[in-house]
């Protein structure tokens, strides 16, 4: 026979012998019966004293002790430290804003239908078409004869009457 085959058969024989030995040990231990259980006697005189003879033992589990134990759970533990906690995050940056006075001075319309509005921003005159940015995030949406419709931050609708002034607050970056 080949030497490799002989070694593998020897290995199989050793594993089989070990399994038989372990099985025999398990079966030998199973022959023993369970340990004898103590018999319950009707007389209680032979029982050892289980409860301590201290007079305040029943009070240890009374409602007063329970309330004291629950009250103590909200106290700071001696093993808790705040040394390793990270510092609180910095406050969010304050958004700087600036106020502008918008005055609608009127509009003109060309023969082709192009409209332009005269808007006085603080002391500076601007001639702007619909959709143009007036200041910051304020955009002209519609130009009417007696009012100018604006949209701030894409959500807030504003209206400035003819020759009227409206104060708007826009973020400065």
Protein backbone atom coordinates (compact mmCIF):
# COMPACT_ATOMS: atom_id res chain seq x y z
CA UNK A 1 0.00 0.00 0.00
CA UNK A 2 0.93 3.51 -0.49
CA UNK A 3 2.51 5.21 2.50
CA UNK A 4 -0.03 8.10 2.40
CA UNK A 5 -2.94 5.65 2.49
CA UNK A 6 -1.39 3.84 5.47
CA UNK A 7 -1.06 7.07 7.43
CA UNK A 8 -4.62 8.13 6.69
CA UNK A 9 -5.96 4.70 7.80
CA UNK A 10 -3.91 4.98 10.99
CA UNK A 11 -5.35 8.43 11.63
CA UNK A 12 -8.91 7.15 11.11
CA UNK A 13 -8.23 4.28 13.57
CA UNK A 14 -6.89 6.70 16.23
CA UNK A 15 -9.93 9.01 15.86
CA UNK A 16 -12.29 6.03 16.08
CA UNK A 17 -10.55 4.73 19.22
CA UNK A 18 -10.78 8.19 20.85
CA UNK A 19 -14.52 8.39 20.03
CA UNK A 20 -15.14 4.95 21.54
CA UNK A 21 -13.22 5.94 24.70
CA UNK A 22 -15.20 9.16 25.11
CA UNK A 23 -18.47 7.31 24.51
CA UNK A 24 -17.57 4.71 27.13
CA UNK A 25 -16.78 7.46 29.67
CA UNK A 26 -20.13 9.17 29.01
CA UNK A 27 -22.07 5.91 29.32
CA UNK A 28 -20.25 5.04 32.55
CA UNK A 29 -21.25 8.38 34.10
CA UNK A 30 -24.87 7.86 33.02
CA UNK A 31 -25.12 4.68 35.08
CA UNK A 32 -25.08 6.71 38.28
CA UNK A 33 -28.51 7.77 39.46
CA UNK A 34 -29.44 11.32 40.33
CA UNK A 35 -28.44 12.48 43.79
CA UNK A 36 -30.94 11.66 46.46
CA UNK A 37 -33.39 14.46 47.11
CA UNK A 38 -34.09 15.39 50.72
CA UNK A 39 -37.41 14.13 51.95
CA UNK A 40 -39.87 16.70 53.20
CA UNK A 41 -40.73 15.97 56.81
CA UNK A 42 -43.88 17.19 58.44
CA UNK A 43 -42.00 18.41 61.50
CA UNK A 44 -40.36 21.81 61.25
CA UNK A 45 -38.25 21.39 64.34
CA UNK A 46 -35.25 20.05 62.44
CA UNK A 47 -34.99 23.08 60.09
CA UNK A 48 -32.07 25.44 60.64
CA UNK A 49 -32.79 29.09 61.39
CA UNK A 50 -32.73 30.88 58.03
CA UNK A 51 -33.82 34.37 59.05
CA UNK A 52 -31.39 36.42 61.10
CA UNK A 53 -32.43 37.25 64.59
CA UNK A 54 -32.07 41.02 64.12
CA UNK A 55 -35.16 42.96 65.21
CA UNK A 56 -35.05 45.47 62.30
CA UNK A 57 -34.87 42.81 59.57
CA UNK A 58 -38.56 43.09 58.50
CA UNK A 59 -38.12 46.87 58.11
CA UNK A 60 -35.38 46.40 55.53
CA UNK A 61 -37.94 45.56 52.86
CA UNK A 62 -40.69 47.87 54.08
CA UNK A 63 -42.20 50.70 52.02
CA UNK A 64 -40.16 53.36 53.83
CA UNK A 65 -36.87 51.76 52.81
CA UNK A 66 -38.16 51.32 49.23
CA UNK A 67 -38.96 55.04 48.92
CA UNK A 68 -35.50 55.94 50.24
CA UNK A 69 -33.86 53.64 47.69
CA UNK A 70 -35.86 55.11 44.81
CA UNK A 71 -35.13 58.66 45.95
CA UNK A 72 -31.41 57.89 45.89
CA UNK A 73 -31.43 56.84 42.23
CA UNK A 74 -31.59 60.43 40.99
CA UNK A 75 -28.44 61.45 42.82
CA UNK A 76 -25.09 61.83 41.06
CA UNK A 77 -22.92 58.75 41.32
CA UNK A 78 -19.45 59.12 42.78
CA UNK A 79 -18.09 57.22 39.78
CA UNK A 80 -19.46 59.58 37.12
CA UNK A 81 -17.30 62.44 35.93
CA UNK A 82 -17.90 65.25 33.49
CA UNK A 83 -14.18 65.63 32.78
CA UNK A 84 -14.22 63.47 29.63
CA UNK A 85 -17.34 64.95 28.05
CA UNK A 86 -16.69 67.00 24.92
CA UNK A 87 -17.30 70.73 25.12
CA UNK A 88 -20.69 71.90 23.87
CA UNK A 89 -20.81 72.79 20.19
CA UNK A 90 -20.34 76.45 19.38
CA UNK A 91 -23.50 78.46 18.80
CA UNK A 92 -24.53 78.87 15.20
CA UNK A 93 -23.14 81.96 13.54
CA UNK A 94 -25.32 85.02 13.78
CA UNK A 95 -26.75 85.87 10.40
CA UNK A 96 -26.03 89.48 9.65
CA UNK A 97 -28.77 91.44 7.95
CA UNK A 98 -29.15 94.92 6.59
CA UNK A 99 -32.31 97.01 6.15
CA UNK A 100 -33.12 98.80 2.90
CA UNK A 101 -35.85 101.29 2.04
CA UNK A 102 -37.55 100.45 -1.29
CA UNK A 103 -39.66 103.14 -2.97
CA UNK A 104 -41.66 102.40 -6.14
CA UNK A 105 -41.38 105.46 -8.40
CA UNK A 106 -43.36 104.13 -11.39
CA UNK A 107 -42.65 102.25 -14.61
CA UNK A 108 -42.49 102.55 -18.35
CA UNK A 109 -43.33 100.14 -21.13
CA UNK A 110 -41.84 100.07 -24.62
CA UNK A 111 -43.75 99.44 -27.87
CA UNK A 112 -42.52 95.85 -27.81
CA UNK A 113 -44.08 95.32 -24.35
CA UNK A 114 -40.89 95.42 -22.31
CA UNK A 115 -41.49 96.86 -18.85
CA UNK A 116 -39.02 98.59 -16.57
CA UNK A 117 -39.69 99.76 -13.00
CA UNK A 118 -38.12 102.73 -11.28
CA UNK A 119 -37.12 101.59 -7.81
CA UNK A 120 -35.40 103.85 -5.32
CA UNK A 121 -33.15 101.70 -3.08
CA UNK A 122 -32.25 103.92 -0.11
CA UNK A 123 -30.94 106.90 -2.17
CA UNK A 124 -29.97 105.07 -5.36
CA UNK A 125 -32.33 104.87 -8.36
CA UNK A 126 -32.50 101.57 -10.25
CA UNK A 127 -34.37 100.83 -13.49
CA UNK A 128 -35.16 97.10 -13.43
CA UNK A 129 -37.16 94.62 -15.56
CA UNK A 130 -39.40 91.86 -14.09
CA UNK A 131 -37.31 89.01 -12.68
CA UNK A 132 -34.39 91.29 -11.80
CA UNK A 133 -32.83 91.27 -8.36
CA UNK A 134 -33.47 94.54 -6.52
CA UNK A 135 -31.27 94.00 -3.48
CA UNK A 136 -30.07 90.84 -1.71
CA UNK A 137 -32.64 88.08 -2.29
CA UNK A 138 -35.51 90.41 -3.26
CA UNK A 139 -36.70 89.87 -6.86
CA UNK A 140 -39.33 91.73 -8.91
CA UNK A 141 -42.20 89.41 -9.89
CA UNK A 142 -44.80 91.77 -11.44
CA UNK A 143 -44.90 95.43 -12.36
CA UNK A 144 -48.34 97.07 -12.12
CA UNK A 145 -49.42 100.66 -12.50
CA UNK A 146 -50.16 101.24 -8.81
CA UNK A 147 -47.99 98.60 -7.12
CA UNK A 148 -44.79 96.64 -7.50
CA UNK A 149 -44.87 92.92 -6.50
CA UNK A 150 -41.68 91.48 -5.03
CA UNK A 151 -40.60 88.05 -3.82
CA UNK A 152 -38.13 87.75 -0.95
CA UNK A 153 -36.10 84.56 -0.34
CA UNK A 154 -38.20 82.73 -2.92
CA UNK A 155 -41.18 82.39 -0.55
CA UNK A 156 -42.27 85.70 0.99
CA UNK A 157 -44.40 87.93 -1.23
CA UNK A 158 -44.09 91.71 -0.78
CA UNK A 159 -45.97 94.56 -2.38
CA UNK A 160 -44.82 98.20 -2.62
CA UNK A 161 -47.50 100.76 -3.53
CA UNK A 162 -46.88 103.52 -6.09
CA UNK A 163 -44.82 106.28 -4.43
CA UNK A 164 -44.88 104.18 -1.28
CA UNK A 165 -41.93 102.99 0.74
CA UNK A 166 -41.35 99.52 2.14
CA UNK A 167 -38.52 98.48 4.41
CA UNK A 168 -36.97 95.09 3.70
CA UNK A 169 -34.31 93.23 5.67
CA UNK A 170 -31.91 91.13 3.61
CA UNK A 171 -28.97 88.97 4.66
CA UNK A 172 -25.51 90.44 4.07
CA UNK A 173 -22.73 88.03 3.15
